[in-house]
N, C-alpha and C. Protein backbone atom coordinates (compact mmCIF):
# COMPACT_ATOMS: atom_id res chain seq x y z
N MET A 1 -10.68 -12.49 -3.69
CA MET A 1 -9.23 -12.36 -3.87
C MET A 1 -8.83 -12.87 -5.32
N GLN A 2 -9.45 -13.95 -5.77
CA GLN A 2 -9.00 -14.56 -7.02
C GLN A 2 -9.15 -13.62 -8.21
N SER A 3 -10.36 -12.94 -8.35
CA SER A 3 -10.52 -12.01 -9.45
C SER A 3 -9.59 -10.88 -9.37
N ALA A 4 -9.34 -10.35 -8.20
CA ALA A 4 -8.37 -9.24 -8.03
C ALA A 4 -6.95 -9.72 -8.41
N ALA A 5 -6.63 -10.93 -8.01
CA ALA A 5 -5.28 -11.44 -8.34
C ALA A 5 -5.12 -11.60 -9.79
N LYS A 6 -6.13 -12.08 -10.49
CA LYS A 6 -6.06 -12.27 -11.95
C LYS A 6 -5.88 -10.89 -12.60
N PHE A 7 -6.62 -9.90 -12.18
CA PHE A 7 -6.53 -8.55 -12.74
C PHE A 7 -5.12 -8.04 -12.63
N TRP A 8 -4.54 -8.10 -11.41
CA TRP A 8 -3.23 -7.54 -11.23
C TRP A 8 -2.11 -8.42 -11.82
N ASP A 9 -2.36 -9.70 -11.97
CA ASP A 9 -1.42 -10.54 -12.78
C ASP A 9 -1.36 -9.99 -14.22
N LYS A 10 -2.52 -9.70 -14.79
CA LYS A 10 -2.49 -9.22 -16.18
C LYS A 10 -1.87 -7.87 -16.32
N MET A 11 -1.95 -7.07 -15.24
CA MET A 11 -1.45 -5.66 -15.23
C MET A 11 0.04 -5.59 -14.89
N ALA A 12 0.65 -6.69 -14.39
CA ALA A 12 1.94 -6.59 -13.72
C ALA A 12 3.03 -6.04 -14.63
N HIS A 13 3.14 -6.49 -15.80
CA HIS A 13 4.29 -6.01 -16.70
C HIS A 13 4.04 -4.58 -17.13
N ARG A 14 2.80 -4.22 -17.43
CA ARG A 14 2.50 -2.81 -17.73
C ARG A 14 2.76 -1.93 -16.55
N TYR A 15 2.37 -2.42 -15.39
CA TYR A 15 2.58 -1.65 -14.11
C TYR A 15 4.08 -1.43 -13.89
N ALA A 16 4.86 -2.48 -14.14
CA ALA A 16 6.32 -2.39 -13.94
C ALA A 16 6.98 -1.35 -14.82
N GLU A 17 6.43 -1.17 -16.02
CA GLU A 17 6.98 -0.26 -17.01
C GLU A 17 6.46 1.17 -16.92
N THR A 18 5.42 1.40 -16.05
CA THR A 18 4.84 2.70 -15.89
C THR A 18 5.67 3.56 -14.99
N PRO A 19 6.12 4.74 -15.39
CA PRO A 19 6.94 5.58 -14.55
C PRO A 19 6.13 6.17 -13.39
N ILE A 20 6.76 6.46 -12.28
CA ILE A 20 6.09 7.07 -11.13
C ILE A 20 5.63 8.49 -11.56
N ARG A 21 4.37 8.81 -11.33
CA ARG A 21 3.81 10.05 -11.82
C ARG A 21 4.45 11.30 -11.21
N ASP A 22 4.55 11.28 -9.88
CA ASP A 22 5.04 12.47 -9.20
C ASP A 22 6.29 12.04 -8.37
N MET A 23 7.44 12.14 -9.00
CA MET A 23 8.67 11.61 -8.37
C MET A 23 9.02 12.41 -7.12
N ASP A 24 8.76 13.70 -7.14
CA ASP A 24 9.08 14.51 -5.93
C ASP A 24 8.28 14.06 -4.74
N SER A 25 6.98 13.79 -4.87
CA SER A 25 6.14 13.33 -3.78
C SER A 25 6.58 11.95 -3.34
N TYR A 26 6.93 11.07 -4.30
CA TYR A 26 7.38 9.73 -3.98
C TYR A 26 8.65 9.79 -3.16
N GLU A 27 9.63 10.55 -3.63
CA GLU A 27 10.92 10.65 -2.93
C GLU A 27 10.73 11.23 -1.51
N TYR A 28 9.86 12.23 -1.38
CA TYR A 28 9.62 12.83 -0.07
C TYR A 28 9.09 11.85 0.91
N THR A 29 8.02 11.11 0.48
CA THR A 29 7.43 10.15 1.43
C THR A 29 8.36 8.95 1.68
N LEU A 30 9.19 8.65 0.71
CA LEU A 30 10.15 7.64 0.96
C LEU A 30 11.13 8.01 2.01
N GLU A 31 11.55 9.27 2.03
CA GLU A 31 12.49 9.79 3.05
C GLU A 31 11.79 9.87 4.42
N ARG A 32 10.54 10.26 4.44
CA ARG A 32 9.79 10.30 5.70
C ARG A 32 9.61 8.84 6.25
N THR A 33 9.41 7.92 5.38
CA THR A 33 9.28 6.49 5.82
C THR A 33 10.60 6.02 6.36
N ARG A 34 11.71 6.35 5.69
CA ARG A 34 13.02 5.96 6.20
C ARG A 34 13.26 6.46 7.63
N SER A 35 12.76 7.62 7.92
CA SER A 35 12.99 8.20 9.27
C SER A 35 12.36 7.34 10.37
N TYR A 36 11.44 6.49 10.06
CA TYR A 36 10.79 5.61 11.07
C TYR A 36 11.41 4.22 11.17
N LEU A 37 12.41 3.96 10.26
CA LEU A 37 12.96 2.63 10.21
C LEU A 37 14.30 2.51 10.95
N LYS A 38 14.59 1.42 11.52
CA LYS A 38 15.82 1.17 12.19
C LYS A 38 16.46 -0.11 11.54
N GLN A 39 17.80 -0.22 11.67
CA GLN A 39 18.50 -1.39 11.05
C GLN A 39 18.07 -2.73 11.69
N SER A 40 17.51 -2.65 12.88
CA SER A 40 17.09 -3.91 13.56
C SER A 40 15.65 -4.24 13.21
N ASP A 41 14.93 -3.41 12.42
CA ASP A 41 13.50 -3.60 12.27
C ASP A 41 13.18 -4.75 11.29
N ARG A 42 12.10 -5.47 11.63
CA ARG A 42 11.43 -6.35 10.65
C ARG A 42 10.25 -5.51 10.09
N VAL A 43 10.26 -5.41 8.74
CA VAL A 43 9.29 -4.57 8.04
C VAL A 43 8.47 -5.41 7.09
N LEU A 44 7.18 -5.12 7.04
CA LEU A 44 6.29 -5.80 6.10
C LEU A 44 5.67 -4.73 5.18
N GLU A 45 5.74 -4.97 3.88
CA GLU A 45 4.98 -4.14 2.94
C GLU A 45 3.84 -4.92 2.33
N LEU A 46 2.68 -4.39 2.47
CA LEU A 46 1.45 -5.02 1.90
C LEU A 46 1.21 -4.37 0.54
N GLY A 47 0.75 -5.19 -0.45
CA GLY A 47 0.50 -4.64 -1.76
C GLY A 47 1.78 -4.02 -2.40
N CYS A 48 2.87 -4.81 -2.36
CA CYS A 48 4.13 -4.26 -2.75
C CYS A 48 4.28 -4.02 -4.22
N GLY A 49 3.33 -4.56 -5.04
CA GLY A 49 3.45 -4.39 -6.48
C GLY A 49 4.70 -5.04 -7.00
N THR A 50 5.42 -4.35 -7.78
CA THR A 50 6.65 -4.89 -8.40
C THR A 50 7.94 -4.62 -7.61
N GLY A 51 7.77 -4.22 -6.35
CA GLY A 51 8.88 -4.19 -5.44
C GLY A 51 9.71 -2.95 -5.37
N THR A 52 9.37 -1.90 -6.07
CA THR A 52 10.23 -0.72 -6.15
C THR A 52 10.51 -0.15 -4.75
N THR A 53 9.42 0.06 -4.01
CA THR A 53 9.61 0.68 -2.67
C THR A 53 10.30 -0.26 -1.70
N ALA A 54 10.00 -1.50 -1.72
CA ALA A 54 10.69 -2.44 -0.80
C ALA A 54 12.18 -2.45 -1.08
N VAL A 55 12.59 -2.46 -2.33
CA VAL A 55 14.00 -2.45 -2.65
C VAL A 55 14.63 -1.09 -2.27
N ASN A 56 13.93 0.01 -2.51
CA ASN A 56 14.49 1.30 -2.12
C ASN A 56 14.68 1.44 -0.59
N LEU A 57 13.87 0.75 0.20
CA LEU A 57 13.97 0.88 1.66
C LEU A 57 14.81 -0.21 2.26
N ALA A 58 15.29 -1.11 1.46
CA ALA A 58 16.01 -2.31 2.02
C ALA A 58 17.18 -1.90 2.89
N GLY A 59 17.92 -0.86 2.50
CA GLY A 59 19.11 -0.49 3.24
C GLY A 59 18.84 0.17 4.56
N SER A 60 17.50 0.49 4.85
CA SER A 60 17.17 1.17 6.11
C SER A 60 16.60 0.23 7.14
N ALA A 61 16.47 -1.03 6.84
CA ALA A 61 15.85 -2.00 7.76
C ALA A 61 16.63 -3.29 7.82
N GLY A 62 16.32 -4.09 8.79
CA GLY A 62 17.01 -5.39 8.92
C GLY A 62 16.49 -6.38 7.90
N VAL A 63 15.16 -6.55 7.89
CA VAL A 63 14.48 -7.50 6.98
C VAL A 63 13.23 -6.82 6.43
N VAL A 64 13.01 -6.92 5.13
CA VAL A 64 11.79 -6.42 4.52
C VAL A 64 11.07 -7.59 3.89
N VAL A 65 9.86 -7.85 4.33
CA VAL A 65 9.00 -8.87 3.69
C VAL A 65 8.04 -8.11 2.84
N ALA A 66 8.09 -8.37 1.53
CA ALA A 66 7.23 -7.66 0.57
C ALA A 66 6.14 -8.63 0.05
N SER A 67 4.89 -8.31 0.29
CA SER A 67 3.81 -9.23 -0.07
C SER A 67 2.84 -8.59 -1.11
N ASP A 68 2.34 -9.41 -1.98
CA ASP A 68 1.32 -8.99 -2.95
C ASP A 68 0.49 -10.15 -3.29
N LEU A 69 -0.81 -9.92 -3.63
CA LEU A 69 -1.67 -11.03 -3.95
C LEU A 69 -1.49 -11.56 -5.39
N ALA A 70 -0.71 -10.84 -6.21
CA ALA A 70 -0.52 -11.23 -7.63
C ALA A 70 0.82 -11.92 -7.79
N ALA A 71 0.78 -13.12 -8.32
CA ALA A 71 2.01 -13.90 -8.48
C ALA A 71 3.00 -13.20 -9.43
N GLU A 72 2.48 -12.56 -10.50
CA GLU A 72 3.34 -11.89 -11.47
C GLU A 72 4.05 -10.70 -10.85
N MET A 73 3.33 -9.97 -9.98
CA MET A 73 3.97 -8.84 -9.29
C MET A 73 5.11 -9.36 -8.44
N VAL A 74 4.88 -10.42 -7.69
CA VAL A 74 5.90 -10.98 -6.82
C VAL A 74 7.09 -11.45 -7.61
N GLN A 75 6.90 -12.08 -8.75
CA GLN A 75 8.01 -12.52 -9.58
C GLN A 75 8.86 -11.36 -10.08
N ILE A 76 8.22 -10.33 -10.53
CA ILE A 76 8.96 -9.16 -10.99
C ILE A 76 9.74 -8.53 -9.81
N GLY A 77 9.09 -8.48 -8.67
CA GLY A 77 9.81 -7.94 -7.48
C GLY A 77 11.02 -8.73 -7.13
N LYS A 78 10.94 -10.05 -7.19
CA LYS A 78 12.07 -10.88 -6.88
C LYS A 78 13.25 -10.57 -7.85
N THR A 79 12.90 -10.40 -9.10
CA THR A 79 13.96 -10.07 -10.07
C THR A 79 14.60 -8.72 -9.77
N ARG A 80 13.75 -7.75 -9.43
CA ARG A 80 14.30 -6.42 -9.12
C ARG A 80 15.22 -6.45 -7.90
N ALA A 81 14.81 -7.21 -6.89
CA ALA A 81 15.60 -7.30 -5.67
C ALA A 81 16.96 -7.98 -5.99
N ALA A 82 16.94 -9.02 -6.79
CA ALA A 82 18.16 -9.68 -7.16
C ALA A 82 19.08 -8.73 -7.96
N GLU A 83 18.53 -7.97 -8.84
CA GLU A 83 19.35 -7.04 -9.64
C GLU A 83 19.98 -5.96 -8.77
N ALA A 84 19.28 -5.55 -7.69
CA ALA A 84 19.73 -4.52 -6.81
C ALA A 84 20.58 -5.06 -5.69
N ASN A 85 20.79 -6.39 -5.62
CA ASN A 85 21.52 -7.06 -4.53
C ASN A 85 20.86 -6.77 -3.19
N ALA A 86 19.56 -6.65 -3.18
CA ALA A 86 18.82 -6.39 -1.90
C ALA A 86 18.48 -7.76 -1.32
N ASP A 87 19.54 -8.36 -0.70
CA ASP A 87 19.29 -9.74 -0.23
C ASP A 87 18.58 -9.82 1.13
N ASN A 88 18.17 -8.70 1.71
CA ASN A 88 17.34 -8.73 2.89
C ASN A 88 15.87 -8.51 2.55
N VAL A 89 15.48 -8.52 1.29
CA VAL A 89 14.09 -8.36 0.89
C VAL A 89 13.54 -9.72 0.48
N TYR A 90 12.47 -10.15 1.05
CA TYR A 90 11.86 -11.43 0.76
C TYR A 90 10.44 -11.21 0.23
N PHE A 91 10.11 -11.81 -0.88
CA PHE A 91 8.80 -11.63 -1.47
C PHE A 91 7.89 -12.81 -1.25
N VAL A 92 6.63 -12.55 -0.89
CA VAL A 92 5.69 -13.61 -0.67
C VAL A 92 4.35 -13.27 -1.35
N GLN A 93 3.67 -14.24 -1.91
CA GLN A 93 2.37 -14.00 -2.44
C GLN A 93 1.34 -14.15 -1.36
N ALA A 94 0.67 -13.06 -0.96
CA ALA A 94 -0.26 -13.10 0.15
C ALA A 94 -1.16 -11.86 0.07
N ASP A 95 -2.40 -12.09 0.55
CA ASP A 95 -3.40 -10.97 0.61
C ASP A 95 -3.39 -10.43 2.01
N VAL A 96 -3.99 -9.24 2.20
CA VAL A 96 -4.10 -8.61 3.48
C VAL A 96 -4.85 -9.53 4.47
N ASP A 97 -5.74 -10.35 4.01
CA ASP A 97 -6.55 -11.20 4.89
C ASP A 97 -5.81 -12.47 5.31
N ASP A 98 -4.62 -12.77 4.69
CA ASP A 98 -3.98 -14.03 4.99
C ASP A 98 -3.45 -14.11 6.42
N ALA A 99 -3.81 -15.15 7.11
CA ALA A 99 -3.53 -15.25 8.54
C ALA A 99 -2.01 -15.34 8.81
N GLU A 100 -1.23 -15.93 7.89
CA GLU A 100 0.19 -16.11 8.17
C GLU A 100 0.94 -14.80 8.31
N LEU A 101 0.38 -13.71 7.74
CA LEU A 101 0.99 -12.39 7.92
C LEU A 101 0.81 -11.84 9.33
N ARG A 102 -0.10 -12.45 10.08
CA ARG A 102 -0.37 -11.95 11.46
C ARG A 102 0.26 -12.85 12.52
N GLU A 103 0.98 -13.85 12.12
CA GLU A 103 1.54 -14.81 13.06
C GLU A 103 2.68 -14.26 13.94
N ASP A 104 3.51 -13.44 13.30
CA ASP A 104 4.67 -12.86 13.98
C ASP A 104 4.73 -11.38 13.68
N PRO A 105 4.13 -10.55 14.53
CA PRO A 105 3.99 -9.11 14.24
C PRO A 105 5.32 -8.44 13.90
N TYR A 106 5.24 -7.37 13.16
CA TYR A 106 6.35 -6.60 12.62
C TYR A 106 6.55 -5.28 13.36
N ASP A 107 7.75 -4.74 13.33
CA ASP A 107 8.01 -3.44 13.90
C ASP A 107 7.31 -2.34 13.09
N VAL A 108 7.34 -2.52 11.78
CA VAL A 108 6.71 -1.52 10.89
C VAL A 108 5.97 -2.29 9.78
N VAL A 109 4.75 -1.84 9.48
CA VAL A 109 3.97 -2.40 8.37
C VAL A 109 3.70 -1.20 7.48
N MET A 110 3.79 -1.42 6.13
CA MET A 110 3.54 -0.32 5.16
C MET A 110 2.54 -0.78 4.13
N ALA A 111 1.78 0.15 3.59
CA ALA A 111 0.86 -0.09 2.47
C ALA A 111 0.73 1.18 1.66
N PHE A 112 1.30 1.18 0.48
CA PHE A 112 1.25 2.38 -0.36
C PHE A 112 0.37 2.12 -1.58
N ASN A 113 -0.63 3.01 -1.73
CA ASN A 113 -1.55 2.95 -2.88
C ASN A 113 -2.30 1.60 -2.85
N LEU A 114 -2.74 1.17 -1.71
CA LEU A 114 -3.43 -0.12 -1.54
C LEU A 114 -4.83 0.02 -0.95
N LEU A 115 -4.97 0.83 0.11
CA LEU A 115 -6.19 0.75 0.94
C LEU A 115 -7.44 1.11 0.12
N HIS A 116 -7.37 2.00 -0.88
CA HIS A 116 -8.54 2.36 -1.67
C HIS A 116 -8.99 1.23 -2.57
N LEU A 117 -8.18 0.15 -2.67
CA LEU A 117 -8.50 -1.00 -3.45
C LEU A 117 -9.14 -2.15 -2.70
N ILE A 118 -9.31 -1.95 -1.38
CA ILE A 118 -9.83 -2.98 -0.49
C ILE A 118 -11.32 -2.78 -0.19
N GLU A 119 -12.11 -3.81 -0.36
CA GLU A 119 -13.57 -3.62 -0.23
C GLU A 119 -14.01 -3.43 1.22
N ASP A 120 -13.52 -4.28 2.14
CA ASP A 120 -13.90 -4.19 3.55
C ASP A 120 -12.72 -3.58 4.36
N ILE A 121 -12.72 -2.27 4.38
CA ILE A 121 -11.53 -1.60 5.01
C ILE A 121 -11.46 -1.80 6.51
N ASP A 122 -12.59 -1.98 7.15
CA ASP A 122 -12.56 -2.17 8.65
C ASP A 122 -11.92 -3.52 8.98
N VAL A 123 -12.33 -4.56 8.24
CA VAL A 123 -11.69 -5.84 8.47
C VAL A 123 -10.20 -5.81 8.12
N ALA A 124 -9.89 -5.18 7.03
CA ALA A 124 -8.46 -5.10 6.61
C ALA A 124 -7.64 -4.35 7.67
N LEU A 125 -8.13 -3.26 8.22
CA LEU A 125 -7.36 -2.54 9.22
C LEU A 125 -7.25 -3.26 10.50
N ALA A 126 -8.26 -4.09 10.87
CA ALA A 126 -8.18 -4.90 12.06
C ALA A 126 -7.08 -5.96 11.83
N HIS A 127 -7.00 -6.55 10.65
CA HIS A 127 -5.94 -7.50 10.37
C HIS A 127 -4.58 -6.85 10.42
N ILE A 128 -4.50 -5.64 9.84
CA ILE A 128 -3.23 -4.94 9.80
C ILE A 128 -2.75 -4.59 11.22
N ARG A 129 -3.68 -4.19 12.06
CA ARG A 129 -3.33 -3.87 13.46
C ARG A 129 -2.68 -5.09 14.12
N ASP A 130 -3.14 -6.32 13.82
CA ASP A 130 -2.58 -7.54 14.40
C ASP A 130 -1.18 -7.82 13.81
N MET A 131 -0.87 -7.24 12.62
CA MET A 131 0.43 -7.46 12.03
C MET A 131 1.52 -6.54 12.69
N VAL A 132 1.07 -5.52 13.34
CA VAL A 132 1.99 -4.54 13.98
C VAL A 132 2.23 -4.86 15.45
N LYS A 133 3.47 -4.81 15.85
CA LYS A 133 3.78 -5.03 17.27
C LYS A 133 3.15 -3.91 18.10
N PRO A 134 2.76 -4.16 19.32
CA PRO A 134 2.29 -3.03 20.17
C PRO A 134 3.31 -1.93 20.22
N GLY A 135 2.90 -0.72 19.99
CA GLY A 135 3.84 0.44 19.92
C GLY A 135 4.48 0.60 18.57
N GLY A 136 4.29 -0.36 17.68
CA GLY A 136 4.89 -0.26 16.32
C GLY A 136 4.04 0.65 15.45
N VAL A 137 4.49 0.89 14.22
CA VAL A 137 3.76 1.86 13.35
C VAL A 137 3.38 1.21 12.00
N PHE A 138 2.27 1.74 11.48
CA PHE A 138 1.78 1.44 10.18
C PHE A 138 1.87 2.69 9.36
N ILE A 139 2.49 2.60 8.19
CA ILE A 139 2.72 3.73 7.32
C ILE A 139 2.00 3.45 6.00
N SER A 140 1.16 4.42 5.62
CA SER A 140 0.36 4.20 4.38
C SER A 140 0.25 5.47 3.56
N LYS A 141 -0.07 5.27 2.33
CA LYS A 141 -0.41 6.39 1.44
C LYS A 141 -1.55 6.00 0.55
N THR A 142 -2.64 6.84 0.58
CA THR A 142 -3.89 6.39 0.01
C THR A 142 -4.47 7.58 -0.76
N VAL A 143 -4.80 7.38 -2.04
CA VAL A 143 -5.44 8.40 -2.80
C VAL A 143 -6.90 8.62 -2.30
N CYS A 144 -7.29 9.83 -2.09
CA CYS A 144 -8.62 10.15 -1.58
C CYS A 144 -9.40 10.84 -2.64
N LEU A 145 -10.02 10.08 -3.49
CA LEU A 145 -10.70 10.62 -4.69
C LEU A 145 -11.93 11.44 -4.34
N ALA A 146 -12.56 11.20 -3.15
CA ALA A 146 -13.72 11.99 -2.82
C ALA A 146 -13.38 13.43 -2.59
N GLU A 147 -12.12 13.75 -2.39
CA GLU A 147 -11.70 15.14 -2.16
C GLU A 147 -11.63 15.92 -3.42
N SER A 148 -11.76 15.26 -4.55
CA SER A 148 -11.69 15.93 -5.87
C SER A 148 -12.99 16.66 -6.21
N GLY A 149 -13.98 16.55 -5.31
CA GLY A 149 -15.25 17.24 -5.55
C GLY A 149 -16.00 16.73 -6.75
N GLY A 150 -16.72 17.53 -7.39
CA GLY A 150 -17.53 17.16 -8.56
C GLY A 150 -16.85 17.45 -9.90
N SER A 151 -15.60 17.30 -9.97
CA SER A 151 -14.87 17.61 -11.19
C SER A 151 -15.39 16.74 -12.32
N LEU A 152 -15.20 17.24 -13.52
CA LEU A 152 -15.66 16.45 -14.73
C LEU A 152 -14.90 15.14 -14.84
N LYS A 153 -13.65 15.15 -14.52
CA LYS A 153 -12.80 13.95 -14.59
C LYS A 153 -13.37 12.90 -13.59
N LEU A 154 -13.62 13.32 -12.36
CA LEU A 154 -14.15 12.41 -11.36
C LEU A 154 -15.48 11.83 -11.74
N ARG A 155 -16.35 12.67 -12.26
CA ARG A 155 -17.68 12.18 -12.67
C ARG A 155 -17.59 11.16 -13.80
N ALA A 156 -16.63 11.38 -14.70
CA ALA A 156 -16.39 10.48 -15.82
C ALA A 156 -15.89 9.12 -15.26
N ILE A 157 -14.97 9.18 -14.30
CA ILE A 157 -14.45 7.96 -13.69
C ILE A 157 -15.50 7.14 -13.02
N LYS A 158 -16.39 7.85 -12.27
CA LYS A 158 -17.47 7.15 -11.54
C LYS A 158 -18.45 6.53 -12.49
N LEU A 159 -18.72 7.21 -13.63
CA LEU A 159 -19.66 6.62 -14.61
C LEU A 159 -19.08 5.44 -15.35
N ALA A 160 -17.80 5.47 -15.64
CA ALA A 160 -17.18 4.43 -16.43
C ALA A 160 -16.76 3.25 -15.60
N LEU A 161 -16.53 3.44 -14.29
CA LEU A 161 -15.93 2.39 -13.49
C LEU A 161 -16.74 1.12 -13.39
N PRO A 162 -18.08 1.17 -13.18
CA PRO A 162 -18.82 -0.11 -13.08
C PRO A 162 -18.73 -0.95 -14.39
N LEU A 163 -18.79 -0.37 -15.54
CA LEU A 163 -18.67 -1.13 -16.77
C LEU A 163 -17.30 -1.70 -16.91
N MET A 164 -16.24 -0.88 -16.63
CA MET A 164 -14.86 -1.36 -16.71
C MET A 164 -14.63 -2.50 -15.76
N GLN A 165 -15.22 -2.45 -14.58
CA GLN A 165 -15.11 -3.55 -13.60
C GLN A 165 -15.80 -4.81 -14.13
N LEU A 166 -16.97 -4.63 -14.73
CA LEU A 166 -17.70 -5.72 -15.26
C LEU A 166 -16.93 -6.43 -16.42
N LEU A 167 -16.23 -5.64 -17.12
CA LEU A 167 -15.38 -6.18 -18.26
C LEU A 167 -14.03 -6.68 -17.81
N GLY A 168 -13.71 -6.59 -16.52
CA GLY A 168 -12.43 -7.00 -16.03
C GLY A 168 -11.34 -6.02 -16.35
N LYS A 169 -11.69 -4.75 -16.65
CA LYS A 169 -10.70 -3.76 -17.02
C LYS A 169 -10.33 -2.81 -15.89
N ALA A 170 -10.94 -3.01 -14.72
CA ALA A 170 -10.66 -2.13 -13.60
C ALA A 170 -10.89 -2.90 -12.30
N PRO A 171 -10.17 -2.57 -11.25
CA PRO A 171 -10.39 -3.26 -9.94
C PRO A 171 -11.43 -2.46 -9.17
N PHE A 172 -11.75 -3.01 -7.98
CA PHE A 172 -12.60 -2.27 -7.04
C PHE A 172 -11.81 -1.03 -6.62
N VAL A 173 -12.56 0.13 -6.51
CA VAL A 173 -11.95 1.37 -6.10
C VAL A 173 -12.90 2.05 -5.12
N ARG A 174 -12.32 2.43 -3.92
CA ARG A 174 -13.17 3.17 -2.93
C ARG A 174 -12.78 4.65 -3.06
N PHE A 175 -13.85 5.46 -3.04
CA PHE A 175 -13.66 6.93 -3.15
C PHE A 175 -13.59 7.48 -1.69
N PHE A 176 -12.45 7.44 -1.12
CA PHE A 176 -12.23 7.93 0.25
C PHE A 176 -12.26 9.43 0.32
N SER A 177 -12.78 9.95 1.43
CA SER A 177 -12.48 11.30 1.86
C SER A 177 -11.37 11.17 2.91
N ILE A 178 -10.63 12.23 3.13
CA ILE A 178 -9.53 12.18 4.14
C ILE A 178 -10.16 11.88 5.50
N GLY A 179 -11.28 12.52 5.84
CA GLY A 179 -11.87 12.34 7.11
C GLY A 179 -12.27 10.86 7.32
N ALA A 180 -12.95 10.28 6.29
CA ALA A 180 -13.39 8.89 6.43
C ALA A 180 -12.21 7.93 6.60
N LEU A 181 -11.14 8.20 5.85
CA LEU A 181 -9.93 7.36 6.00
C LEU A 181 -9.35 7.44 7.36
N GLU A 182 -9.22 8.65 7.90
CA GLU A 182 -8.62 8.79 9.24
C GLU A 182 -9.52 8.20 10.32
N ARG A 183 -10.81 8.34 10.20
CA ARG A 183 -11.72 7.75 11.13
C ARG A 183 -11.62 6.23 11.16
N ALA A 184 -11.39 5.68 10.01
CA ALA A 184 -11.25 4.23 9.91
C ALA A 184 -10.03 3.74 10.66
N PHE A 185 -8.92 4.49 10.58
CA PHE A 185 -7.71 4.18 11.36
C PHE A 185 -7.98 4.27 12.83
N GLU A 186 -8.61 5.31 13.26
CA GLU A 186 -8.90 5.53 14.68
C GLU A 186 -9.79 4.41 15.20
N LYS A 187 -10.81 4.06 14.46
CA LYS A 187 -11.72 2.96 14.84
C LYS A 187 -10.93 1.66 14.98
N ALA A 188 -9.89 1.45 14.22
CA ALA A 188 -9.16 0.20 14.24
C ALA A 188 -8.12 0.17 15.41
N GLY A 189 -8.03 1.28 16.14
CA GLY A 189 -7.08 1.26 17.28
C GLY A 189 -5.75 1.84 16.99
N PHE A 190 -5.63 2.75 16.06
CA PHE A 190 -4.42 3.38 15.72
C PHE A 190 -4.44 4.89 16.12
N GLU A 191 -3.26 5.42 16.47
CA GLU A 191 -3.15 6.83 16.82
C GLU A 191 -2.34 7.48 15.69
N ILE A 192 -2.85 8.51 15.08
CA ILE A 192 -2.18 9.25 13.98
C ILE A 192 -1.05 10.08 14.54
N ILE A 193 0.16 9.88 14.04
CA ILE A 193 1.28 10.66 14.52
C ILE A 193 1.93 11.57 13.42
N GLU A 194 1.58 11.30 12.18
CA GLU A 194 2.02 12.17 11.11
C GLU A 194 1.08 12.06 9.94
N SER A 195 0.81 13.15 9.28
CA SER A 195 -0.05 13.10 8.06
C SER A 195 0.32 14.24 7.08
N GLY A 196 -0.08 14.03 5.83
CA GLY A 196 0.18 15.04 4.83
C GLY A 196 -0.36 14.50 3.48
N ASN A 197 -0.45 15.43 2.52
CA ASN A 197 -0.93 15.09 1.20
C ASN A 197 0.24 15.23 0.18
N PHE A 198 0.67 14.14 -0.40
CA PHE A 198 1.74 14.13 -1.37
C PHE A 198 1.44 13.16 -2.52
N PRO A 199 0.91 13.66 -3.64
CA PRO A 199 0.70 15.10 -4.00
C PRO A 199 -0.57 15.64 -3.37
N ALA A 200 -0.78 16.92 -3.61
CA ALA A 200 -1.96 17.61 -3.01
C ALA A 200 -3.22 17.36 -3.79
N ARG A 201 -3.16 17.19 -5.12
CA ARG A 201 -4.32 17.06 -5.99
C ARG A 201 -4.13 15.98 -7.02
N PRO A 202 -5.04 14.99 -7.06
CA PRO A 202 -5.98 14.64 -5.95
C PRO A 202 -5.12 14.22 -4.75
N PRO A 203 -5.59 14.51 -3.52
CA PRO A 203 -4.73 14.24 -2.37
C PRO A 203 -4.41 12.75 -2.19
N SER A 204 -3.14 12.47 -2.07
CA SER A 204 -2.70 11.13 -1.69
C SER A 204 -2.26 11.22 -0.23
N ARG A 205 -3.10 10.73 0.66
CA ARG A 205 -2.94 10.95 2.07
C ARG A 205 -1.81 10.05 2.64
N TYR A 206 -0.76 10.64 3.08
CA TYR A 206 0.35 9.93 3.77
C TYR A 206 0.05 9.95 5.26
N LEU A 207 -0.03 8.76 5.86
CA LEU A 207 -0.34 8.65 7.28
C LEU A 207 0.68 7.72 7.98
N VAL A 208 1.15 8.14 9.08
CA VAL A 208 1.94 7.29 9.99
C VAL A 208 1.11 7.18 11.24
N VAL A 209 0.72 5.93 11.62
CA VAL A 209 -0.11 5.68 12.80
C VAL A 209 0.57 4.70 13.69
N ARG A 210 0.39 4.86 14.94
CA ARG A 210 0.96 3.95 15.97
C ARG A 210 -0.13 3.03 16.54
N ARG A 211 0.21 1.76 16.68
CA ARG A 211 -0.72 0.87 17.33
C ARG A 211 -0.75 1.17 18.82
N LYS A 212 -1.94 1.37 19.33
CA LYS A 212 -2.10 1.72 20.73
C LYS A 212 -1.92 0.53 21.59
């Protein structure tokens, strides 16, 4: 956790200034996510980054707890929430493995652009299942780089990634296929109730799953 936290701390301000690449896909999945939220819901976002999504969804839920392992991300998120008067959004510095996130399960848990950055996905999904109330939902969006085939760009990324990681210039990245991602959810005890790719290339798999 410590090395990942340091990496994202260093990236936080650059990340905050980077525009969303595909705004149409972002807005569409934001609306689909809103359709699962109620004003009475307690919602948890894992890997919230600088808080953009948590703040955008604040008006559709009762309470939103936004967590990230990087202190700088959390601080930027707090500032954004204050500027937007999103007083029902609370930021905490925490990793997916932190036990306090599992103490009082949530109606809805979310993780956008996070799961491909986690080394032990089976353990992480088991923890996430414990964060969701029975019958509640987990909503995620995960880039599936293995679906890009043998493209020149993908081969270049795979070749460069180990050196960049060694130099502290890149985080851990898992090259998911859509099938492998969905099997991991099913193995963890979730039922898939909605899916789609937004954007389509490389596919960023949007999944809504219910805790059985």
